[in-house]
Amino acid sequence: MPDAEGHPAVDEIELVSVLAALADPLRLEVVQKLLVEAEGAERHCTSFGLPVSKSTRSHHFKVLREAGLIKQVDRGNSRMAQLRRSDIDARFPGLLDAVVTAPA
């Protein structure tokens, strides 16, 4: 069962949900940008420069969060995104390595 913020446990992360989340070019871009960051790095959701409205950006991050790809943490009045790389690697070995080399 997902936690109070909607993050699924590692054993609840489903491949179909992960692939569906990554099928969108903007969400794929977010994950690719997080992949080049140091493990555990957090980025403000606006720092990705997505060319969409705030509500659409929120939707994209919700899809990534509910798929188990990112963890979102509140830092005062803003939300930060962190890639759940170790969780995804444990559940689906090699998947994120393929994502990092996928054409943008």
N, C-alpha and C. Protein backbone atom coordinates (compact mmCIF):
# COMPACT_ATOMS: atom_id res chain seq x y z
N MET A 1 0.84 -1.18 0.00
CA MET A 1 0.00 0.00 0.00
C MET A 1 0.89 1.24 0.00
N PRO A 2 0.58 2.21 -0.85
CA PRO A 2 1.38 3.44 -0.89
C PRO A 2 1.35 4.16 0.46
N ASP A 3 2.42 4.91 0.74
CA ASP A 3 2.45 5.69 1.98
C ASP A 3 1.51 6.88 1.87
N ALA A 4 1.50 7.71 2.88
CA ALA A 4 0.57 8.85 2.93
C ALA A 4 0.76 9.84 1.78
N GLU A 5 1.96 9.91 1.23
CA GLU A 5 2.24 10.82 0.11
C GLU A 5 2.04 10.17 -1.26
N GLY A 6 1.67 8.89 -1.28
CA GLY A 6 1.41 8.21 -2.54
C GLY A 6 2.60 7.48 -3.13
N HIS A 7 3.65 7.25 -2.34
CA HIS A 7 4.82 6.51 -2.82
C HIS A 7 4.59 5.02 -2.57
N PRO A 8 4.62 4.21 -3.62
CA PRO A 8 4.46 2.77 -3.40
C PRO A 8 5.71 2.16 -2.76
N ALA A 9 5.50 1.08 -2.02
CA ALA A 9 6.63 0.33 -1.49
C ALA A 9 7.35 -0.33 -2.66
N VAL A 10 8.60 -0.71 -2.45
CA VAL A 10 9.41 -1.28 -3.53
C VAL A 10 8.70 -2.48 -4.18
N ASP A 11 8.16 -3.37 -3.37
CA ASP A 11 7.52 -4.57 -3.93
C ASP A 11 6.19 -4.27 -4.60
N GLU A 12 5.69 -3.06 -4.49
CA GLU A 12 4.44 -2.66 -5.14
C GLU A 12 4.67 -1.93 -6.46
N ILE A 13 5.91 -1.61 -6.78
CA ILE A 13 6.21 -0.92 -8.03
C ILE A 13 6.00 -1.90 -9.17
N GLU A 14 5.13 -1.52 -10.10
CA GLU A 14 4.77 -2.41 -11.21
C GLU A 14 5.43 -1.93 -12.50
N LEU A 15 5.93 -2.88 -13.27
CA LEU A 15 6.61 -2.56 -14.52
C LEU A 15 5.70 -1.80 -15.48
N VAL A 16 4.44 -2.19 -15.58
CA VAL A 16 3.50 -1.53 -16.49
C VAL A 16 3.35 -0.06 -16.12
N SER A 17 3.25 0.25 -14.84
CA SER A 17 3.12 1.64 -14.39
C SER A 17 4.38 2.44 -14.67
N VAL A 18 5.54 1.82 -14.45
CA VAL A 18 6.81 2.50 -14.71
C VAL A 18 6.94 2.80 -16.20
N LEU A 19 6.65 1.81 -17.04
CA LEU A 19 6.78 2.01 -18.49
C LEU A 19 5.77 3.04 -18.99
N ALA A 20 4.56 3.02 -18.44
CA ALA A 20 3.55 4.00 -18.84
C ALA A 20 3.99 5.41 -18.45
N ALA A 21 4.59 5.55 -17.28
CA ALA A 21 5.08 6.87 -16.85
C ALA A 21 6.21 7.34 -17.75
N LEU A 22 7.09 6.43 -18.14
CA LEU A 22 8.22 6.79 -18.98
C LEU A 22 7.84 7.00 -20.45
N ALA A 23 6.65 6.60 -20.83
CA ALA A 23 6.21 6.74 -22.23
C ALA A 23 6.00 8.19 -22.63
N ASP A 24 5.75 9.05 -21.65
CA ASP A 24 5.55 10.47 -21.95
C ASP A 24 6.92 11.14 -22.07
N PRO A 25 7.15 11.90 -23.15
CA PRO A 25 8.47 12.52 -23.35
C PRO A 25 8.90 13.47 -22.23
N LEU A 26 7.98 14.20 -21.64
CA LEU A 26 8.35 15.12 -20.56
C LEU A 26 8.75 14.37 -19.30
N ARG A 27 8.02 13.31 -18.99
CA ARG A 27 8.36 12.52 -17.81
C ARG A 27 9.67 11.78 -18.03
N LEU A 28 9.89 11.28 -19.24
CA LEU A 28 11.16 10.63 -19.56
C LEU A 28 12.31 11.63 -19.38
N GLU A 29 12.11 12.86 -19.82
CA GLU A 29 13.13 13.90 -19.67
C GLU A 29 13.45 14.15 -18.20
N VAL A 30 12.43 14.20 -17.36
CA VAL A 30 12.64 14.40 -15.92
C VAL A 30 13.51 13.28 -15.36
N VAL A 31 13.17 12.04 -15.68
CA VAL A 31 13.92 10.90 -15.16
C VAL A 31 15.35 10.92 -15.70
N GLN A 32 15.52 11.22 -16.98
CA GLN A 32 16.87 11.29 -17.54
C GLN A 32 17.70 12.37 -16.86
N LYS A 33 17.10 13.49 -16.54
CA LYS A 33 17.83 14.56 -15.85
C LYS A 33 18.20 14.14 -14.42
N LEU A 34 17.31 13.42 -13.77
CA LEU A 34 17.61 12.95 -12.41
C LEU A 34 18.68 11.86 -12.43
N LEU A 35 18.73 11.09 -13.50
CA LEU A 35 19.73 10.02 -13.59
C LEU A 35 21.16 10.53 -13.63
N VAL A 36 21.37 11.73 -14.13
CA VAL A 36 22.74 12.26 -14.20
C VAL A 36 23.15 12.99 -12.91
N GLU A 37 22.20 13.15 -12.01
CA GLU A 37 22.49 13.76 -10.71
C GLU A 37 23.11 12.70 -9.79
N ALA A 38 23.76 13.15 -8.74
CA ALA A 38 24.31 12.24 -7.74
C ALA A 38 23.17 11.50 -7.05
N GLU A 39 23.44 10.28 -6.63
CA GLU A 39 22.42 9.49 -5.93
C GLU A 39 21.91 10.26 -4.72
N GLY A 40 20.61 10.33 -4.58
CA GLY A 40 19.99 11.04 -3.46
C GLY A 40 19.80 12.52 -3.68
N ALA A 41 20.24 13.02 -4.83
CA ALA A 41 20.08 14.46 -5.12
C ALA A 41 18.60 14.80 -5.26
N GLU A 42 18.26 15.99 -4.80
CA GLU A 42 16.88 16.48 -4.90
C GLU A 42 16.87 17.70 -5.79
N ARG A 43 15.81 17.80 -6.60
CA ARG A 43 15.65 18.98 -7.45
C ARG A 43 14.25 19.53 -7.27
N HIS A 44 14.17 20.85 -7.29
CA HIS A 44 12.87 21.51 -7.24
C HIS A 44 12.12 21.19 -8.53
N CYS A 45 10.85 20.94 -8.44
CA CYS A 45 10.07 20.52 -9.60
C CYS A 45 10.07 21.56 -10.72
N THR A 46 10.22 22.82 -10.38
CA THR A 46 10.26 23.85 -11.43
C THR A 46 11.63 23.91 -12.12
N SER A 47 12.64 23.30 -11.54
CA SER A 47 13.99 23.38 -12.10
C SER A 47 14.17 22.60 -13.39
N PHE A 48 13.20 21.77 -13.73
CA PHE A 48 13.31 20.97 -14.95
C PHE A 48 12.92 21.76 -16.20
N GLY A 49 12.29 22.91 -16.00
CA GLY A 49 11.94 23.78 -17.13
C GLY A 49 10.93 23.17 -18.09
N LEU A 50 9.99 22.41 -17.56
CA LEU A 50 8.97 21.81 -18.43
C LEU A 50 8.07 22.90 -19.00
N PRO A 51 7.82 22.87 -20.31
CA PRO A 51 7.04 23.92 -20.96
C PRO A 51 5.53 23.69 -20.83
N VAL A 52 5.07 23.55 -19.59
CA VAL A 52 3.66 23.28 -19.32
C VAL A 52 3.19 24.12 -18.15
N SER A 53 1.89 24.16 -17.95
CA SER A 53 1.33 24.91 -16.81
C SER A 53 1.68 24.22 -15.49
N LYS A 54 1.50 24.93 -14.41
CA LYS A 54 1.79 24.39 -13.08
C LYS A 54 0.95 23.14 -12.80
N SER A 55 -0.33 23.17 -13.18
CA SER A 55 -1.20 22.02 -12.91
C SER A 55 -0.77 20.80 -13.74
N THR A 56 -0.34 21.03 -14.97
CA THR A 56 0.12 19.91 -15.80
C THR A 56 1.44 19.37 -15.27
N ARG A 57 2.32 20.26 -14.83
CA ARG A 57 3.58 19.83 -14.23
C ARG A 57 3.30 18.98 -12.99
N SER A 58 2.36 19.42 -12.16
CA SER A 58 1.99 18.66 -10.96
C SER A 58 1.48 17.27 -11.34
N HIS A 59 0.69 17.20 -12.40
CA HIS A 59 0.18 15.91 -12.87
C HIS A 59 1.33 14.98 -13.27
N HIS A 60 2.30 15.51 -14.02
CA HIS A 60 3.42 14.68 -14.46
C HIS A 60 4.21 14.14 -13.26
N PHE A 61 4.43 14.97 -12.26
CA PHE A 61 5.16 14.50 -11.09
C PHE A 61 4.33 13.52 -10.27
N LYS A 62 3.03 13.68 -10.26
CA LYS A 62 2.16 12.71 -9.57
C LYS A 62 2.26 11.35 -10.25
N VAL A 63 2.24 11.32 -11.58
CA VAL A 63 2.36 10.05 -12.31
C VAL A 63 3.70 9.38 -11.99
N LEU A 64 4.78 10.17 -12.00
CA LEU A 64 6.10 9.61 -11.68
C LEU A 64 6.16 9.08 -10.25
N ARG A 65 5.56 9.83 -9.33
CA ARG A 65 5.53 9.42 -7.92
C ARG A 65 4.73 8.15 -7.73
N GLU A 66 3.53 8.09 -8.31
CA GLU A 66 2.66 6.93 -8.12
C GLU A 66 3.20 5.69 -8.83
N ALA A 67 4.01 5.88 -9.86
CA ALA A 67 4.64 4.76 -10.54
C ALA A 67 5.83 4.22 -9.73
N GLY A 68 6.31 5.03 -8.79
CA GLY A 68 7.44 4.62 -7.96
C GLY A 68 8.79 5.09 -8.47
N LEU A 69 8.79 5.92 -9.50
CA LEU A 69 10.05 6.40 -10.07
C LEU A 69 10.71 7.50 -9.25
N ILE A 70 9.91 8.33 -8.62
CA ILE A 70 10.48 9.42 -7.82
C ILE A 70 9.86 9.43 -6.44
N LYS A 71 10.58 10.07 -5.55
CA LYS A 71 10.06 10.37 -4.22
C LYS A 71 9.97 11.88 -4.16
N GLN A 72 8.86 12.39 -3.68
CA GLN A 72 8.70 13.82 -3.50
C GLN A 72 8.70 14.13 -2.01
N VAL A 73 9.48 15.13 -1.65
CA VAL A 73 9.57 15.53 -0.26
C VAL A 73 9.29 17.03 -0.16
N ASP A 74 8.58 17.39 0.88
CA ASP A 74 8.27 18.79 1.12
C ASP A 74 9.45 19.44 1.83
N ARG A 75 9.85 20.58 1.30
CA ARG A 75 10.92 21.38 1.90
C ARG A 75 10.36 22.79 2.07
N GLY A 76 9.73 23.00 3.20
CA GLY A 76 9.09 24.29 3.44
C GLY A 76 7.89 24.45 2.55
N ASN A 77 7.91 25.46 1.70
CA ASN A 77 6.76 25.71 0.83
C ASN A 77 6.99 25.19 -0.59
N SER A 78 7.94 24.27 -0.75
CA SER A 78 8.18 23.71 -2.08
C SER A 78 8.35 22.20 -1.99
N ARG A 79 8.21 21.56 -3.13
CA ARG A 79 8.39 20.12 -3.21
C ARG A 79 9.62 19.81 -4.04
N MET A 80 10.37 18.87 -3.55
CA MET A 80 11.58 18.44 -4.23
C MET A 80 11.36 17.02 -4.75
N ALA A 81 12.00 16.72 -5.89
CA ALA A 81 11.90 15.39 -6.49
C ALA A 81 13.24 14.69 -6.38
N GLN A 82 13.17 13.41 -6.05
CA GLN A 82 14.36 12.59 -5.90
C GLN A 82 14.10 11.27 -6.61
N LEU A 83 15.02 10.84 -7.47
CA LEU A 83 14.88 9.57 -8.18
C LEU A 83 15.03 8.41 -7.20
N ARG A 84 14.17 7.42 -7.32
CA ARG A 84 14.26 6.22 -6.48
C ARG A 84 15.10 5.17 -7.21
N ARG A 85 16.31 5.56 -7.54
CA ARG A 85 17.17 4.70 -8.37
C ARG A 85 17.42 3.33 -7.74
N SER A 86 17.80 3.29 -6.49
CA SER A 86 18.10 1.99 -5.87
C SER A 86 16.86 1.11 -5.81
N ASP A 87 15.70 1.70 -5.57
CA ASP A 87 14.46 0.91 -5.54
C ASP A 87 14.12 0.35 -6.92
N ILE A 88 14.26 1.19 -7.95
CA ILE A 88 13.96 0.73 -9.31
C ILE A 88 14.99 -0.30 -9.76
N ASP A 89 16.26 -0.06 -9.44
CA ASP A 89 17.31 -1.03 -9.80
C ASP A 89 17.08 -2.37 -9.11
N ALA A 90 16.62 -2.34 -7.87
CA ALA A 90 16.35 -3.58 -7.15
C ALA A 90 15.17 -4.33 -7.76
N ARG A 91 14.17 -3.59 -8.17
CA ARG A 91 12.94 -4.20 -8.71
C ARG A 91 13.11 -4.62 -10.17
N PHE A 92 13.75 -3.75 -10.97
CA PHE A 92 13.89 -3.99 -12.41
C PHE A 92 15.34 -3.70 -12.82
N PRO A 93 16.26 -4.62 -12.55
CA PRO A 93 17.68 -4.38 -12.86
C PRO A 93 17.89 -4.04 -14.33
N GLY A 94 18.67 -2.99 -14.56
CA GLY A 94 19.02 -2.58 -15.92
C GLY A 94 18.04 -1.63 -16.58
N LEU A 95 16.86 -1.46 -16.03
CA LEU A 95 15.86 -0.61 -16.67
C LEU A 95 16.34 0.84 -16.77
N LEU A 96 16.82 1.40 -15.67
CA LEU A 96 17.24 2.79 -15.69
C LEU A 96 18.50 3.00 -16.53
N ASP A 97 19.34 1.98 -16.62
CA ASP A 97 20.50 2.09 -17.51
C ASP A 97 20.06 2.22 -18.95
N ALA A 98 18.98 1.52 -19.33
CA ALA A 98 18.43 1.65 -20.67
C ALA A 98 17.80 3.01 -20.86
N VAL A 99 17.17 3.54 -19.83
CA VAL A 99 16.51 4.86 -19.92
C VAL A 99 17.53 5.97 -20.12
N VAL A 100 18.66 5.88 -19.44
CA VAL A 100 19.66 6.94 -19.55
C VAL A 100 20.25 7.02 -20.95
N THR A 101 20.25 5.92 -21.68
CA THR A 101 20.80 5.93 -23.03
C THR A 101 19.74 6.07 -24.10
N ALA A 102 18.47 6.15 -23.70
CA ALA A 102 17.38 6.30 -24.68
C ALA A 102 17.46 7.68 -25.31
N PRO A 103 17.16 7.76 -26.62
CA PRO A 103 17.15 9.07 -27.25
C PRO A 103 16.08 9.96 -26.63
N ALA A 104 16.41 11.24 -26.53
CA ALA A 104 15.46 12.19 -25.92
C ALA A 104 14.32 12.47 -26.87
